[in-house]
Every structure is written in structure tokens, then in C-alpha cells.
Amino acid sequence: MATANKNLSNYDKNTIPSAKNFRFGIVVSEWNPSITQGLFTGAEAALLDCGALKDNIIRWDVPGSFELVYGAKKMIETNKLDAIIVIGCVIKGETMHFEFVCEGVTQGVKDLNIQYDVPVIFCLLTDNNEQQSIDRSGGILGNKGTEAAIAAIKMAHLRRQAFSK
């Protein structure tokens, strides 16, 4: 989704299901910490704003973005959660490392969504430079973490609806 003309932090709270009775996991990469902390702050604030209880938000830190998939997998296997958000930031450099990490995390999150019955929300910034990441983690374009939290609430609600049928 192009974000040049969209503030990622805008949402209509009246259209979001209450998060009060949901438990969320958030796995955060320690790499590019000023960016990932900004994304976490946006995600946590949106979850709380939509009714989630602070005690129902579990945070785990992992060394880098590539480790997000393993962290999310272990979080699914060891906690009773309604949705998980993986938060990371990979900034393009001069080598192919960027492509390999981004592809691996993308496919890993897709695999978790297929293999497990807990939605895993992708909040991995894959930007060309640090300024683009700053703009999307609480800067002029808002916060992708906020957007991920809203997606997590909606998917947790969808999951619960599917179980009640």
C-alpha cells in the first residue's frame, strides 16, 4: 500500500471492534531500535485506545527482523493469544541482505498465518533510507504500528466470529 498520501495513524474508532477481551502478542526487533520502538509505541497506544488491557499485551524482543518469525512461532505455541504483531525495520543497504531478510520475513509470516490459527500481522518497514522509516514510525506519515494494531484487532474479531459459528 502506498503511504505517500495517507496518514497511517488515522482510524475511526467507531468502526473498530472492542479489544477489551482480546490478548495480543507483539514481537519487536531490536535492530533499528528508535524505529521499532516508535512502531511498538504506536501499536500499543492503538490497542489501549481501542479497549485492550495493558496486562493483555505481551511484548517479546528479538535480535533482528529475521528472528521475528521464530519469536512469533514460539509466542503462538506458548501463549493463548488472539493476534500477534511482528515489528521490524530493514533499511536498504549496498548488499543483497535487504532482499533476503525482507523475503524471508514476508514468507515466514505468511507461513505462520497458514500453519497456525492465530493471525500474525506484518509490521515490517522495508524502506530505502532511514528517513522513510522515521516518516512511517511516528513521523509525517503517521505510524505503521498503529495501522498494524487496528489490523490485529479486526483479525482477532474475525477469528472469534469464525469460532462462534
C-alpha atoms as a PDB file:
ATOM      1  CA  MET A   1       0.000   0.000   0.000  1.00  0.00           C
ATOM      2  CA  ALA A   2       1.377   3.370  -0.955  1.00  0.00           C
ATOM      3  CA  THR A   3       1.573   5.705   2.009  1.00  0.00           C
ATOM      4  CA  ALA A   4       2.617   8.968   0.377  1.00  0.00           C
ATOM      5  CA  ASN A   5      -0.886  10.425   0.688  1.00  0.00           C
ATOM      6  CA  LYS A   6      -2.145   8.516   3.735  1.00  0.00           C
ATOM      7  CA  ASN A   7      -1.556   9.031   7.429  1.00  0.00           C
ATOM      8  CA  LEU A   8      -1.058   5.556   8.881  1.00  0.00           C
ATOM      9  CA  SER A   9      -2.334   6.596  12.300  1.00  0.00           C
ATOM     10  CA  ASN A  10      -5.838   7.598  11.218  1.00  0.00           C
ATOM     11  CA  TYR A  11      -8.666   5.246  12.113  1.00  0.00           C
ATOM     12  CA  ASP A  12     -12.314   5.620  13.038  1.00  0.00           C
ATOM     13  CA  LYS A  13     -12.643   4.079  16.493  1.00  0.00           C
ATOM     14  CA  ASN A  14     -16.390   3.630  15.911  1.00  0.00           C
ATOM     15  CA  THR A  15     -15.659   1.098  13.172  1.00  0.00           C
ATOM     16  CA  ILE A  16     -13.195  -0.969  15.231  1.00  0.00           C
ATOM     17  CA  PRO A  17     -14.372  -3.849  17.433  1.00  0.00           C
ATOM     18  CA  SER A  18     -13.568  -3.517  21.122  1.00  0.00           C
ATOM     19  CA  ALA A  19     -10.200  -5.028  22.015  1.00  0.00           C
ATOM     20  CA  LYS A  20     -11.157  -5.422  25.683  1.00  0.00           C
ATOM     21  CA  ASN A  21     -11.454  -9.212  25.666  1.00  0.00           C
ATOM     22  CA  PHE A  22      -8.513  -9.972  23.376  1.00  0.00           C
ATOM     23  CA  ARG A  23      -4.904 -10.895  24.186  1.00  0.00           C
ATOM     24  CA  PHE A  24      -2.182  -9.621  21.880  1.00  0.00           C
ATOM     25  CA  GLY A  25       1.443 -10.535  21.373  1.00  0.00           C
ATOM     26  CA  ILE A  26       3.941  -8.123  19.902  1.00  0.00           C
ATOM     27  CA  VAL A  27       7.360  -9.339  18.764  1.00  0.00           C
ATOM     28  CA  VAL A  28       9.804  -6.448  18.298  1.00  0.00           C
ATOM     29  CA  SER A  29      13.150  -6.451  16.521  1.00  0.00           C
ATOM     30  CA  GLU A  30      15.997  -4.808  18.442  1.00  0.00           C
ATOM     31  CA  TRP A  31      17.646  -3.749  15.156  1.00  0.00           C
ATOM     32  CA  ASN A  32      16.961  -0.071  14.298  1.00  0.00           C
ATOM     33  CA  PRO A  33      15.611   0.413  17.842  1.00  0.00           C
ATOM     34  CA  SER A  34      14.487   4.028  17.503  1.00  0.00           C
ATOM     35  CA  ILE A  35      12.259   2.970  14.610  1.00  0.00           C
ATOM     36  CA  THR A  36      10.950  -0.285  16.110  1.00  0.00           C
ATOM     37  CA  GLN A  37      10.264   1.375  19.469  1.00  0.00           C
ATOM     38  CA  GLY A  38       8.242   4.045  17.657  1.00  0.00           C
ATOM     39  CA  LEU A  39       6.259   1.326  15.872  1.00  0.00           C
ATOM     40  CA  PHE A  40       5.681  -0.511  19.160  1.00  0.00           C
ATOM     41  CA  THR A  41       4.545   2.700  20.857  1.00  0.00           C
ATOM     42  CA  GLY A  42       2.026   3.313  18.055  1.00  0.00           C
ATOM     43  CA  ALA A  43       0.740  -0.268  18.187  1.00  0.00           C
ATOM     44  CA  GLU A  44       0.403  -0.335  21.968  1.00  0.00           C
ATOM     45  CA  ALA A  45      -1.330   3.067  22.071  1.00  0.00           C
ATOM     46  CA  ALA A  46      -3.883   1.994  19.446  1.00  0.00           C
ATOM     47  CA  LEU A  47      -4.600  -1.299  21.223  1.00  0.00           C
ATOM     48  CA  LEU A  48      -5.129   0.521  24.525  1.00  0.00           C
ATOM     49  CA  ASP A  49      -7.227   3.219  22.834  1.00  0.00           C
ATOM     50  CA  CYS A  50      -9.499   0.509  21.442  1.00  0.00           C
ATOM     51  CA  GLY A  51     -10.009  -1.090  24.854  1.00  0.00           C
ATOM     52  CA  ALA A  52      -7.210  -3.643  25.232  1.00  0.00           C
ATOM     53  CA  LEU A  53      -5.996  -4.135  28.771  1.00  0.00           C
ATOM     54  CA  LYS A  54      -2.295  -3.454  29.356  1.00  0.00           C
ATOM     55  CA  ASP A  55      -1.931  -6.872  31.013  1.00  0.00           C
ATOM     56  CA  ASN A  56      -3.273  -8.484  27.818  1.00  0.00           C
ATOM     57  CA  ILE A  57      -0.427  -7.147  25.685  1.00  0.00           C
ATOM     58  CA  ILE A  58       2.726  -9.282  25.759  1.00  0.00           C
ATOM     59  CA  ARG A  59       5.973  -7.960  24.280  1.00  0.00           C
ATOM     60  CA  TRP A  60       8.963 -10.059  23.324  1.00  0.00           C
ATOM     61  CA  ASP A  61      12.138  -8.621  21.832  1.00  0.00           C
ATOM     62  CA  VAL A  62      14.263 -10.487  19.285  1.00  0.00           C
ATOM     63  CA  PRO A  63      17.713  -9.515  17.952  1.00  0.00           C
ATOM     64  CA  GLY A  64      16.740  -8.662  14.374  1.00  0.00           C
ATOM     65  CA  SER A  65      13.946  -8.755  11.827  1.00  0.00           C
ATOM     66  CA  PHE A  66      14.823 -12.232  10.571  1.00  0.00           C
ATOM     67  CA  GLU A  67      14.163 -13.568  14.079  1.00  0.00           C
ATOM     68  CA  LEU A  68      10.613 -12.158  14.153  1.00  0.00           C
ATOM     69  CA  VAL A  69       9.187 -15.320  12.601  1.00  0.00           C
ATOM     70  CA  TYR A  70      10.702 -17.633  15.222  1.00  0.00           C
ATOM     71  CA  GLY A  71       9.647 -15.273  18.006  1.00  0.00           C
ATOM     72  CA  ALA A  72       6.074 -15.210  16.710  1.00  0.00           C
ATOM     73  CA  LYS A  73       6.025 -19.004  16.336  1.00  0.00           C
ATOM     74  CA  LYS A  74       7.161 -19.521  19.934  1.00  0.00           C
ATOM     75  CA  MET A  75       4.718 -16.885  21.139  1.00  0.00           C
ATOM     76  CA  ILE A  76       1.856 -18.762  19.427  1.00  0.00           C
ATOM     77  CA  GLU A  77       2.983 -22.063  20.923  1.00  0.00           C
ATOM     78  CA  THR A  78       3.412 -20.809  24.500  1.00  0.00           C
ATOM     79  CA  ASN A  79       0.686 -18.202  24.979  1.00  0.00           C
ATOM     80  CA  LYS A  80      -3.053 -18.109  24.433  1.00  0.00           C
ATOM     81  CA  LEU A  81      -3.318 -15.107  22.127  1.00  0.00           C
ATOM     82  CA  ASP A  82      -5.896 -13.705  19.737  1.00  0.00           C
ATOM     83  CA  ALA A  83      -3.404 -11.997  17.396  1.00  0.00           C
ATOM     84  CA  ILE A  84       0.306 -11.253  17.112  1.00  0.00           C
ATOM     85  CA  ILE A  85       2.050  -8.275  15.543  1.00  0.00           C
ATOM     86  CA  VAL A  86       5.634  -8.593  14.330  1.00  0.00           C
ATOM     87  CA  ILE A  87       7.504  -5.288  14.277  1.00  0.00           C
ATOM     88  CA  GLY A  88      10.771  -4.707  12.462  1.00  0.00           C
ATOM     89  CA  CYS A  89      12.650  -2.347  10.191  1.00  0.00           C
ATOM     90  CA  VAL A  90      15.016  -3.226   7.361  1.00  0.00           C
ATOM     91  CA  ILE A  91      16.687  -0.339   5.573  1.00  0.00           C
ATOM     92  CA  LYS A  92      18.152  -0.985   2.140  1.00  0.00           C
ATOM     93  CA  GLY A  93      21.922  -1.042   2.039  1.00  0.00           C
ATOM     94  CA  GLU A  94      24.539  -1.812  -0.558  1.00  0.00           C
ATOM     95  CA  THR A  95      24.221  -5.614  -0.478  1.00  0.00           C
ATOM     96  CA  MET A  96      21.528  -8.201  -1.180  1.00  0.00           C
ATOM     97  CA  HIS A  97      20.997  -8.669   2.586  1.00  0.00           C
ATOM     98  CA  PHE A  98      17.942  -6.367   2.422  1.00  0.00           C
ATOM     99  CA  GLU A  99      16.185  -8.542  -0.163  1.00  0.00           C
ATOM    100  CA  PHE A 100      16.962 -11.809   1.634  1.00  0.00           C
ATOM    101  CA  VAL A 101      15.778 -10.600   5.033  1.00  0.00           C
ATOM    102  CA  CYS A 102      12.621  -8.953   3.668  1.00  0.00           C
ATOM    103  CA  GLU A 103      11.686 -12.015   1.597  1.00  0.00           C
ATOM    104  CA  GLY A 104      12.392 -14.397   4.468  1.00  0.00           C
ATOM    105  CA  VAL A 105      10.290 -12.481   6.972  1.00  0.00           C
ATOM    106  CA  THR A 106       7.469 -11.979   4.477  1.00  0.00           C
ATOM    107  CA  GLN A 107       7.301 -15.675   3.607  1.00  0.00           C
ATOM    108  CA  GLY A 108       7.740 -16.668   7.250  1.00  0.00           C
ATOM    109  CA  VAL A 109       4.789 -14.548   8.377  1.00  0.00           C
ATOM    110  CA  LYS A 110       2.700 -15.937   5.525  1.00  0.00           C
ATOM    111  CA  ASP A 111       3.637 -19.475   6.612  1.00  0.00           C
ATOM    112  CA  LEU A 112       2.650 -18.773  10.229  1.00  0.00           C
ATOM    113  CA  ASN A 113      -0.731 -17.497   9.076  1.00  0.00           C
ATOM    114  CA  ILE A 114      -1.278 -20.721   7.141  1.00  0.00           C
ATOM    115  CA  GLN A 115       0.082 -23.133   9.768  1.00  0.00           C
ATOM    116  CA  TYR A 116      -1.489 -21.687  12.911  1.00  0.00           C
ATOM    117  CA  ASP A 117      -4.891 -20.389  13.881  1.00  0.00           C
ATOM    118  CA  VAL A 118      -3.631 -17.102  15.293  1.00  0.00           C
ATOM    119  CA  PRO A 119      -3.396 -14.141  12.913  1.00  0.00           C
ATOM    120  CA  VAL A 120       0.130 -12.744  12.602  1.00  0.00           C
ATOM    121  CA  ILE A 121       0.169  -9.133  11.443  1.00  0.00           C
ATOM    122  CA  PHE A 122       3.086  -7.929   9.320  1.00  0.00           C
ATOM    123  CA  CYS A 123       4.583  -4.647  10.537  1.00  0.00           C
ATOM    124  CA  LEU A 124       7.987  -4.745   8.878  1.00  0.00           C
ATOM    125  CA  LEU A 125       9.175  -1.492   7.401  1.00  0.00           C
ATOM    126  CA  THR A 126      11.186  -2.167   4.239  1.00  0.00           C
ATOM    127  CA  ASP A 127      12.440   1.265   3.326  1.00  0.00           C
ATOM    128  CA  ASN A 128      15.122   2.675   1.052  1.00  0.00           C
ATOM    129  CA  ASN A 129      16.502   5.010   3.717  1.00  0.00           C
ATOM    130  CA  GLU A 130      16.216   5.903   7.380  1.00  0.00           C
ATOM    131  CA  GLN A 131      14.073   8.985   6.724  1.00  0.00           C
ATOM    132  CA  GLN A 132      11.356   6.856   5.116  1.00  0.00           C
ATOM    133  CA  SER A 133      11.340   4.674   8.242  1.00  0.00           C
ATOM    134  CA  ILE A 134      11.160   7.705  10.536  1.00  0.00           C
ATOM    135  CA  ASP A 135       8.241   9.066   8.493  1.00  0.00           C
ATOM    136  CA  ARG A 136       6.338   5.754   8.953  1.00  0.00           C
ATOM    137  CA  SER A 137       7.089   5.137  12.641  1.00  0.00           C
ATOM    138  CA  GLY A 138       5.513   8.250  14.129  1.00  0.00           C
ATOM    139  CA  GLY A 139       6.705  10.858  11.634  1.00  0.00           C
ATOM    140  CA  ILE A 140       4.902  12.838   8.950  1.00  0.00           C
ATOM    141  CA  LEU A 141       3.123   9.767   7.546  1.00  0.00           C
ATOM    142  CA  GLY A 142       1.887   8.576  10.921  1.00  0.00           C
ATOM    143  CA  ASN A 143       2.672   5.192  12.396  1.00  0.00           C
ATOM    144  CA  LYS A 144       2.563   1.809  10.690  1.00  0.00           C
ATOM    145  CA  GLY A 145       2.431   0.269  14.190  1.00  0.00           C
ATOM    146  CA  THR A 146      -0.938   1.929  14.725  1.00  0.00           C
ATOM    147  CA  GLU A 147      -2.192   0.501  11.448  1.00  0.00           C
ATOM    148  CA  ALA A 148      -0.920  -2.967  12.403  1.00  0.00           C
ATOM    149  CA  ALA A 149      -2.723  -2.799  15.762  1.00  0.00           C
ATOM    150  CA  ILE A 150      -6.015  -1.965  14.074  1.00  0.00           C
ATOM    151  CA  ALA A 151      -5.491  -4.895  11.689  1.00  0.00           C
ATOM    152  CA  ALA A 152      -4.742  -7.147  14.688  1.00  0.00           C
ATOM    153  CA  ILE A 153      -7.981  -6.137  16.424  1.00  0.00           C
ATOM    154  CA  LYS A 154     -10.020  -6.716  13.275  1.00  0.00           C
ATOM    155  CA  MET A 155      -8.409 -10.108  12.664  1.00  0.00           C
ATOM    156  CA  ALA A 156      -8.851 -11.185  16.299  1.00  0.00           C
ATOM    157  CA  HIS A 157     -12.514 -10.240  15.977  1.00  0.00           C
ATOM    158  CA  LEU A 158     -12.823 -12.171  12.696  1.00  0.00           C
ATOM    159  CA  ARG A 159     -11.185 -15.207  14.314  1.00  0.00           C
ATOM    160  CA  ARG A 160     -13.582 -15.091  17.254  1.00  0.00           C
ATOM    161  CA  GLN A 161     -16.573 -14.731  14.919  1.00  0.00           C
ATOM    162  CA  ALA A 162     -15.410 -17.748  12.903  1.00  0.00           C
ATOM    163  CA  PHE A 163     -15.124 -19.851  16.087  1.00  0.00           C
ATOM    164  CA  SER A 164     -18.615 -18.895  17.206  1.00  0.00           C
ATOM    165  CA  LYS A 165     -20.241 -20.186  14.014  1.00  0.00           C
END
